[in-house]
PDB file of N, CA and C in Angstrom:
ATOM      1  N   MET A   1      45.448 103.399 -67.993  1.00  0.00           N
ATOM      2  CA  MET A   1      44.898 102.098 -68.086  1.00  0.00           C
ATOM      3  C   MET A   1      44.043 101.530 -66.850  1.00  0.00           C
ATOM      4  N   HIS A   2      42.857 100.693 -67.148  1.00  0.00           N
ATOM      5  CA  HIS A   2      42.176 100.450 -66.328  1.00  0.00           C
ATOM      6  C   HIS A   2      42.582  99.191 -65.332  1.00  0.00           C
ATOM      7  N   PRO A   3      42.216  99.420 -64.098  1.00  0.00           N
ATOM      8  CA  PRO A   3      43.028  98.381 -63.210  1.00  0.00           C
ATOM      9  C   PRO A   3      42.528  96.836 -63.579  1.00  0.00           C
ATOM     10  N   ASP A   4      41.460  96.664 -64.036  1.00  0.00           N
ATOM     11  CA  ASP A   4      40.995  95.424 -64.611  1.00  0.00           C
ATOM     12  C   ASP A   4      41.745  94.773 -65.759  1.00  0.00           C
ATOM     13  N   GLY A   5      42.307  95.991 -66.562  1.00  0.00           N
ATOM     14  CA  GLY A   5      43.083  95.624 -67.791  1.00  0.00           C
ATOM     15  C   GLY A   5      44.353  95.365 -67.416  1.00  0.00           C
ATOM     16  N   GLN A   6      44.923  95.954 -66.349  1.00  0.00           N
ATOM     17  CA  GLN A   6      46.239  95.756 -65.857  1.00  0.00           C
ATOM     18  C   GLN A   6      46.210  94.322 -65.185  1.00  0.00           C
ATOM     19  N   GLU A   7      45.321  94.102 -64.224  1.00  0.00           N
ATOM     20  CA  GLU A   7      45.312  92.642 -63.751  1.00  0.00           C
ATOM     21  C   GLU A   7      45.042  91.304 -64.874  1.00  0.00           C
ATOM     22  N   ALA A   8      44.506  91.869 -65.757  1.00  0.00           N
ATOM     23  CA  ALA A   8      44.011  90.511 -67.098  1.00  0.00           C
ATOM     24  C   ALA A   8      45.426  90.436 -67.773  1.00  0.00           C
ATOM     25  N   LEU A   9      46.288  91.729 -68.160  1.00  0.00           N
ATOM     26  CA  LEU A   9      47.758  91.416 -68.568  1.00  0.00           C
ATOM     27  C   LEU A   9      48.560  90.615 -67.598  1.00  0.00           C
ATOM     28  N   ILE A  10      48.582  90.994 -66.426  1.00  0.00           N
ATOM     29  CA  ILE A  10      49.600  90.606 -65.323  1.00  0.00           C
ATOM     30  C   ILE A  10      49.216  89.047 -65.476  1.00  0.00           C
ATOM     31  N   HIS A  11      47.949  88.690 -65.455  1.00  0.00           N
ATOM     32  CA  HIS A  11      47.508  87.399 -65.362  1.00  0.00           C
ATOM     33  C   HIS A  11      48.026  86.394 -66.711  1.00  0.00           C
ATOM     34  N   ILE A  12      47.906  87.119 -67.623  1.00  0.00           N
ATOM     35  CA  ILE A  12      48.170  86.381 -69.204  1.00  0.00           C
ATOM     36  C   ILE A  12      49.627  86.384 -69.009  1.00  0.00           C
ATOM     37  N   ILE A  13      50.447  87.042 -68.579  1.00  0.00           N
ATOM     38  CA  ILE A  13      51.976  87.167 -68.547  1.00  0.00           C
ATOM     39  C   ILE A  13      52.595  86.164 -67.525  1.00  0.00           C
ATOM     40  N   VAL A  14      51.730  86.036 -66.336  1.00  0.00           N
ATOM     41  CA  VAL A  14      52.280  85.111 -65.422  1.00  0.00           C
ATOM     42  C   VAL A  14      51.934  83.539 -65.859  1.00  0.00           C
ATOM     43  N   ASN A  15      50.530  83.507 -66.683  1.00  0.00           N
ATOM     44  CA  ASN A  15      50.507  82.079 -67.189  1.00  0.00           C
ATOM     45  C   ASN A  15      51.331  81.687 -68.064  1.00  0.00           C
ATOM     46  N   LEU A  16      51.734  82.803 -68.971  1.00  0.00           N
ATOM     47  CA  LEU A  16      52.821  82.084 -70.089  1.00  0.00           C
ATOM     48  C   LEU A  16      53.975  82.039 -69.800  1.00  0.00           C
ATOM     49  N   PHE A  17      54.477  82.636 -68.460  1.00  0.00           N
ATOM     50  CA  PHE A  17      55.699  82.565 -67.957  1.00  0.00           C
ATOM     51  C   PHE A  17      55.852  81.032 -67.284  1.00  0.00           C
ATOM     52  N   PHE A  18      54.641  80.956 -66.472  1.00  0.00           N
ATOM     53  CA  PHE A  18      54.699  79.367 -65.838  1.00  0.00           C
ATOM     54  C   PHE A  18      54.655  78.233 -66.607  1.00  0.00           C
ATOM     55  N   LEU A  19      53.826  78.613 -67.760  1.00  0.00           N
ATOM     56  CA  LEU A  19      53.571  77.355 -69.064  1.00  0.00           C
ATOM     57  C   LEU A  19      54.926  77.123 -69.156  1.00  0.00           C
ATOM     58  N   VAL A  20      55.828  78.113 -69.769  1.00  0.00           N
ATOM     59  CA  VAL A  20      57.085  77.861 -70.142  1.00  0.00           C
ATOM     60  C   VAL A  20      57.967  76.888 -69.164  1.00  0.00           C
ATOM     61  N   ILE A  21      57.928  77.609 -67.955  1.00  0.00           N
ATOM     62  CA  ILE A  21      58.632  76.917 -66.870  1.00  0.00           C
ATOM     63  C   ILE A  21      58.456  75.492 -66.651  1.00  0.00           C
ATOM     64  N   VAL A  22      57.045  75.185 -66.663  1.00  0.00           N
ATOM     65  CA  VAL A  22      56.559  74.071 -66.441  1.00  0.00           C
ATOM     66  C   VAL A  22      56.864  72.943 -67.403  1.00  0.00           C
ATOM     67  N   TRP A  23      56.559  73.596 -68.590  1.00  0.00           N
ATOM     68  CA  TRP A  23      57.056  72.568 -69.871  1.00  0.00           C
ATOM     69  C   TRP A  23      58.525  72.257 -70.083  1.00  0.00           C
ATOM     70  N   TRP A  24      59.150  73.229 -69.550  1.00  0.00           N
ATOM     71  CA  TRP A  24      60.865  73.037 -69.373  1.00  0.00           C
ATOM     72  C   TRP A  24      61.126  71.759 -68.581  1.00  0.00           C
ATOM     73  N   CYS A  25      60.398  72.008 -67.270  1.00  0.00           N
ATOM     74  CA  CYS A  25      60.620  71.059 -66.126  1.00  0.00           C
ATOM     75  C   CYS A  25      60.097  69.798 -66.366  1.00  0.00           C
ATOM     76  N   LEU A  26      58.911  69.619 -67.111  1.00  0.00           N
ATOM     77  CA  LEU A  26      58.513  68.142 -67.313  1.00  0.00           C
ATOM     78  C   LEU A  26      59.256  67.579 -68.467  1.00  0.00           C
ATOM     79  N   GLN A  27      60.298  68.220 -69.308  1.00  0.00           N
ATOM     80  CA  GLN A  27      61.121  67.576 -70.168  1.00  0.00           C
ATOM     81  C   GLN A  27      62.123  66.899 -69.513  1.00  0.00           C
ATOM     82  N   ALA A  28      62.182  66.802 -68.067  1.00  0.00           N
ATOM     83  CA  ALA A  28      63.149  65.973 -67.288  1.00  0.00           C
ATOM     84  C   ALA A  28      62.582  64.831 -66.904  1.00  0.00           C
ATOM     85  N   PHE A  29      61.202  64.799 -66.897  1.00  0.00           N
ATOM     86  CA  PHE A  29      60.391  63.636 -66.377  1.00  0.00           C
ATOM     87  C   PHE A  29      60.243  62.603 -67.274  1.00  0.00           C
ATOM     88  N   ARG A  30      60.540  61.474 -67.155  1.00  0.00           N
ATOM     89  CA  ARG A  30      60.463  60.275 -67.973  1.00  0.00           C
ATOM     90  C   ARG A  30      59.069  59.684 -67.991  1.00  0.00           C
ATOM     91  N   PHE A  31      58.290  60.202 -68.985  1.00  0.00           N
ATOM     92  CA  PHE A  31      56.736  59.798 -69.180  1.00  0.00           C
ATOM     93  C   PHE A  31      56.850  58.370 -69.886  1.00  0.00           C
ATOM     94  N   ASP A  32      57.673  58.051 -70.674  1.00  0.00           N
ATOM     95  CA  ASP A  32      57.755  56.583 -71.308  1.00  0.00           C
ATOM     96  C   ASP A  32      57.778  55.576 -70.332  1.00  0.00           C
ATOM     97  N   VAL A  33      58.071  55.645 -69.060  1.00  0.00           N
ATOM     98  CA  VAL A  33      58.098  54.702 -67.940  1.00  0.00           C
ATOM     99  C   VAL A  33      56.688  54.296 -67.845  1.00  0.00           C
ATOM    100  N   PHE A  34      55.791  55.424 -67.912  1.00  0.00           N
ATOM    101  CA  PHE A  34      54.332  55.309 -67.367  1.00  0.00           C
ATOM    102  C   PHE A  34      53.524  55.119 -68.505  1.00  0.00           C
ATOM    103  N   LEU A  35      53.801  55.373 -69.753  1.00  0.00           N
ATOM    104  CA  LEU A  35      52.988  55.491 -70.762  1.00  0.00           C
ATOM    105  C   LEU A  35      53.272  54.483 -71.770  1.00  0.00           C
ATOM    106  N   ARG A  36      52.103  53.590 -72.428  1.00  0.00           N
ATOM    107  CA  ARG A  36      52.428  52.508 -73.333  1.00  0.00           C
ATOM    108  C   ARG A  36      53.071  52.875 -74.520  1.00  0.00           C
ATOM    109  N   ARG A  37      52.665  53.717 -74.926  1.00  0.00           N
ATOM    110  CA  ARG A  37      53.306  54.360 -76.373  1.00  0.00           C
ATOM    111  C   ARG A  37      53.559  55.752 -76.024  1.00  0.00           C
ATOM    112  N   PRO A  38      54.831  56.015 -75.592  1.00  0.00           N
ATOM    113  CA  PRO A  38      55.210  57.446 -75.379  1.00  0.00           C
ATOM    114  C   PRO A  38      55.132  58.571 -76.842  1.00  0.00           C
ATOM    115  N   ASP A  39      55.145  57.781 -77.604  1.00  0.00           N
ATOM    116  CA  ASP A  39      55.151  58.770 -79.010  1.00  0.00           C
ATOM    117  C   ASP A  39      54.044  59.023 -79.509  1.00  0.00           C
ATOM    118  N   GLY A  40      52.908  58.210 -78.982  1.00  0.00           N
ATOM    119  CA  GLY A  40      51.657  58.300 -79.806  1.00  0.00           C
ATOM    120  C   GLY A  40      50.934  59.684 -79.395  1.00  0.00           C
ATOM    121  N   PRO A  41      49.809  59.928 -80.374  1.00  0.00           N
ATOM    122  CA  PRO A  41      49.061  60.901 -80.076  1.00  0.00           C
ATOM    123  C   PRO A  41      48.549  61.358 -78.789  1.00  0.00           C
ATOM    124  N   LYS A  42      47.979  60.527 -78.140  1.00  0.00           N
ATOM    125  CA  LYS A  42      47.389  60.026 -76.766  1.00  0.00           C
ATOM    126  C   LYS A  42      48.268  60.678 -75.598  1.00  0.00           C
ATOM    127  N   ALA A  43      49.649  60.056 -75.839  1.00  0.00           N
ATOM    128  CA  ALA A  43      50.760  60.365 -74.844  1.00  0.00           C
ATOM    129  C   ALA A  43      50.968  62.049 -74.945  1.00  0.00           C
ATOM    130  N   LYS A  44      51.101  62.383 -76.149  1.00  0.00           N
ATOM    131  CA  LYS A  44      51.392  63.889 -76.402  1.00  0.00           C
ATOM    132  C   LYS A  44      50.417  64.661 -75.827  1.00  0.00           C
ATOM    133  N   LEU A  45      49.108  64.348 -75.863  1.00  0.00           N
ATOM    134  CA  LEU A  45      47.914  65.208 -75.643  1.00  0.00           C
ATOM    135  C   LEU A  45      47.986  65.274 -73.903  1.00  0.00           C
ATOM    136  N   PHE A  46      48.478  63.901 -73.392  1.00  0.00           N
ATOM    137  CA  PHE A  46      48.541  63.819 -71.762  1.00  0.00           C
ATOM    138  C   PHE A  46      49.444  64.825 -71.516  1.00  0.00           C
ATOM    139  N   ILE A  47      50.569  64.704 -72.018  1.00  0.00           N
ATOM    140  CA  ILE A  47      51.624  65.649 -71.779  1.00  0.00           C
ATOM    141  C   ILE A  47      51.395  67.248 -71.764  1.00  0.00           C
ATOM    142  N   ILE A  48      50.560  67.652 -72.725  1.00  0.00           N
ATOM    143  CA  ILE A  48      50.208  68.797 -72.690  1.00  0.00           C
ATOM    144  C   ILE A  48      49.125  69.235 -71.805  1.00  0.00           C
ATOM    145  N   LEU A  49      48.250  68.040 -71.403  1.00  0.00           N
ATOM    146  CA  LEU A  49      47.171  68.717 -70.410  1.00  0.00           C
ATOM    147  C   LEU A  49      47.750  68.419 -69.080  1.00  0.00           C
ATOM    148  N   VAL A  50      48.853  67.428 -68.634  1.00  0.00           N
ATOM    149  CA  VAL A  50      49.522  67.794 -67.270  1.00  0.00           C
ATOM    150  C   VAL A  50      50.170  68.993 -67.324  1.00  0.00           C
ATOM    151  N   THR A  51      50.890  69.526 -68.196  1.00  0.00           N
ATOM    152  CA  THR A  51      51.490  70.860 -68.376  1.00  0.00           C
ATOM    153  C   THR A  51      50.447  71.962 -68.035  1.00  0.00           C
ATOM    154  N   ILE A  52      49.276  72.167 -68.809  1.00  0.00           N
ATOM    155  CA  ILE A  52      48.399  72.970 -68.545  1.00  0.00           C
ATOM    156  C   ILE A  52      47.848  72.960 -67.208  1.00  0.00           C
ATOM    157  N   ALA A  53      47.692  71.920 -66.578  1.00  0.00           N
ATOM    158  CA  ALA A  53      47.190  71.618 -65.268  1.00  0.00           C
ATOM    159  C   ALA A  53      47.907  72.128 -64.022  1.00  0.00           C
ATOM    160  N   ILE A  54      49.281  71.840 -64.369  1.00  0.00           N
ATOM    161  CA  ILE A  54      50.279  72.326 -63.377  1.00  0.00           C
ATOM    162  C   ILE A  54      50.494  73.686 -63.442  1.00  0.00           C
ATOM    163  N   THR A  55      50.509  74.035 -64.957  1.00  0.00           N
ATOM    164  CA  THR A  55      50.524  75.445 -64.908  1.00  0.00           C
ATOM    165  C   THR A  55      49.614  76.503 -64.108  1.00  0.00           C
ATOM    166  N   HIS A  56      48.097  75.903 -64.211  1.00  0.00           N
ATOM    167  CA  HIS A  56      47.008  76.360 -63.941  1.00  0.00           C
ATOM    168  C   HIS A  56      47.261  76.638 -62.119  1.00  0.00           C
ATOM    169  N   LEU A  57      47.640  75.554 -61.450  1.00  0.00           N
ATOM    170  CA  LEU A  57      47.901  75.555 -60.385  1.00  0.00           C
ATOM    171  C   LEU A  57      48.832  76.616 -59.673  1.00  0.00           C
ATOM    172  N   VAL A  58      50.075  76.336 -60.351  1.00  0.00           N
ATOM    173  CA  VAL A  58      51.272  77.129 -60.066  1.00  0.00           C
ATOM    174  C   VAL A  58      50.788  78.745 -60.153  1.00  0.00           C
ATOM    175  N   SER A  59      50.222  78.924 -61.329  1.00  0.00           N
ATOM    176  CA  SER A  59      49.845  80.526 -61.430  1.00  0.00           C
ATOM    177  C   SER A  59      48.677  80.906 -60.633  1.00  0.00           C
ATOM    178  N   SER A  60      47.869  80.150 -60.338  1.00  0.00           N
ATOM    179  CA  SER A  60      46.856  80.669 -59.411  1.00  0.00           C
ATOM    180  C   SER A  60      47.336  80.639 -58.060  1.00  0.00           C
ATOM    181  N   PHE A  61      48.315  79.834 -57.502  1.00  0.00           N
ATOM    182  CA  PHE A  61      48.928  79.837 -56.201  1.00  0.00           C
ATOM    183  C   PHE A  61      49.660  81.312 -56.334  1.00  0.00           C
ATOM    184  N   PHE A  62      50.382  81.722 -57.186  1.00  0.00           N
ATOM    185  CA  PHE A  62      51.111  82.977 -57.359  1.00  0.00           C
ATOM    186  C   PHE A  62      50.221  84.139 -57.544  1.00  0.00           C
ATOM    187  N   MET A  63      49.228  84.351 -58.217  1.00  0.00           N
ATOM    188  CA  MET A  63      48.395  85.234 -58.414  1.00  0.00           C
ATOM    189  C   MET A  63      47.524  85.538 -57.093  1.00  0.00           C
ATOM    190  N   ASP A  64      46.935  84.394 -56.159  1.00  0.00           N
ATOM    191  CA  ASP A  64      46.555  84.510 -54.979  1.00  0.00           C
ATOM    192  C   ASP A  64      47.477  85.112 -53.869  1.00  0.00           C
ATOM    193  N   TYR A  65      48.891  84.807 -53.911  1.00  0.00           N
ATOM    194  CA  TYR A  65      49.785  85.167 -53.256  1.00  0.00           C
ATOM    195  C   TYR A  65      49.927  86.499 -53.356  1.00  0.00           C
ATOM    196  N   LEU A  66      50.047  86.967 -54.673  1.00  0.00           N
ATOM    197  CA  LEU A  66      50.201  88.527 -55.180  1.00  0.00           C
ATOM    198  C   LEU A  66      49.219  89.215 -54.457  1.00  0.00           C
ATOM    199  N   LYS A  67      48.154  89.156 -54.571  1.00  0.00           N
ATOM    200  CA  LYS A  67      46.785  89.648 -54.403  1.00  0.00           C
ATOM    201  C   LYS A  67      46.667  90.026 -52.922  1.00  0.00           C
ATOM    202  N   VAL A  68      47.020  88.761 -52.236  1.00  0.00           N
ATOM    203  CA  VAL A  68      46.862  88.963 -50.709  1.00  0.00           C
ATOM    204  C   VAL A  68      48.197  89.765 -49.829  1.00  0.00           C
ATOM    205  N   SER A  69      49.369  89.618 -50.694  1.00  0.00           N
ATOM    206  CA  SER A  69      50.454  90.335 -50.230  1.00  0.00           C
ATOM    207  C   SER A  69      50.226  91.931 -50.579  1.00  0.00           C
ATOM    208  N   LEU A  70      49.336  92.177 -51.700  1.00  0.00           N
ATOM    209  CA  LEU A  70      49.123  93.503 -51.936  1.00  0.00           C
ATOM    210  C   LEU A  70      48.005  94.122 -50.800  1.00  0.00           C
ATOM    211  N   MET A  71      47.098  92.996 -50.369  1.00  0.00           N
ATOM    212  CA  MET A  71      46.075  93.581 -49.579  1.00  0.00           C
ATOM    213  C   MET A  71      46.662  94.026 -48.083  1.00  0.00           C
ATOM    214  N   LEU A  72      47.812  93.659 -47.660  1.00  0.00           N
ATOM    215  CA  LEU A  72      48.674  93.571 -46.570  1.00  0.00           C
ATOM    216  C   LEU A  72      48.724  95.100 -46.100  1.00  0.00           C
ATOM    217  N   ARG A  73      48.838  95.950 -46.936  1.00  0.00           N
ATOM    218  CA  ARG A  73      48.887  97.453 -46.796  1.00  0.00           C
ATOM    219  C   ARG A  73      47.696  97.961 -46.293  1.00  0.00           C
ATOM    220  N   TYR A  74      46.638  97.259 -46.311  1.00  0.00           N
ATOM    221  CA  TYR A  74      45.414  97.692 -45.507  1.00  0.00           C
ATOM    222  C   TYR A  74      45.459  97.674 -44.235  1.00  0.00           C
ATOM    223  N   LEU A  75      46.310  96.791 -43.709  1.00  0.00           N
ATOM    224  CA  LEU A  75      46.461  96.241 -42.376  1.00  0.00           C
ATOM    225  C   LEU A  75      46.720  97.346 -41.370  1.00  0.00           C
ATOM    226  N   PHE A  76      47.734  98.090 -42.239  1.00  0.00           N
ATOM    227  CA  PHE A  76      48.448  98.986 -41.156  1.00  0.00           C
ATOM    228  C   PHE A  76      47.905 100.314 -41.578  1.00  0.00           C
ATOM    229  N   SER A  77      47.157 100.817 -42.227  1.00  0.00           N
ATOM    230  CA  SER A  77      46.360 101.991 -42.701  1.00  0.00           C
ATOM    231  C   SER A  77      44.631 102.327 -42.023  1.00  0.00           C
TER     232      SER A  77
END
């Protein structure tokens, strides 16, 4: 398997993993306090977009941390 393909597969798995975790965590947040109509389609779309945005931030941090930690082996060689 090509290293770029492996990296792409890891990235997809990490994104999906954090998407599920962020969605699960946001279920505890009370959006109804901040939204006018929490059951409306705009509110649902807003929750989905917030989930995607937080997932992107968390998975980007994790992937950057993974890449940098893998590059540490070149420090001692």
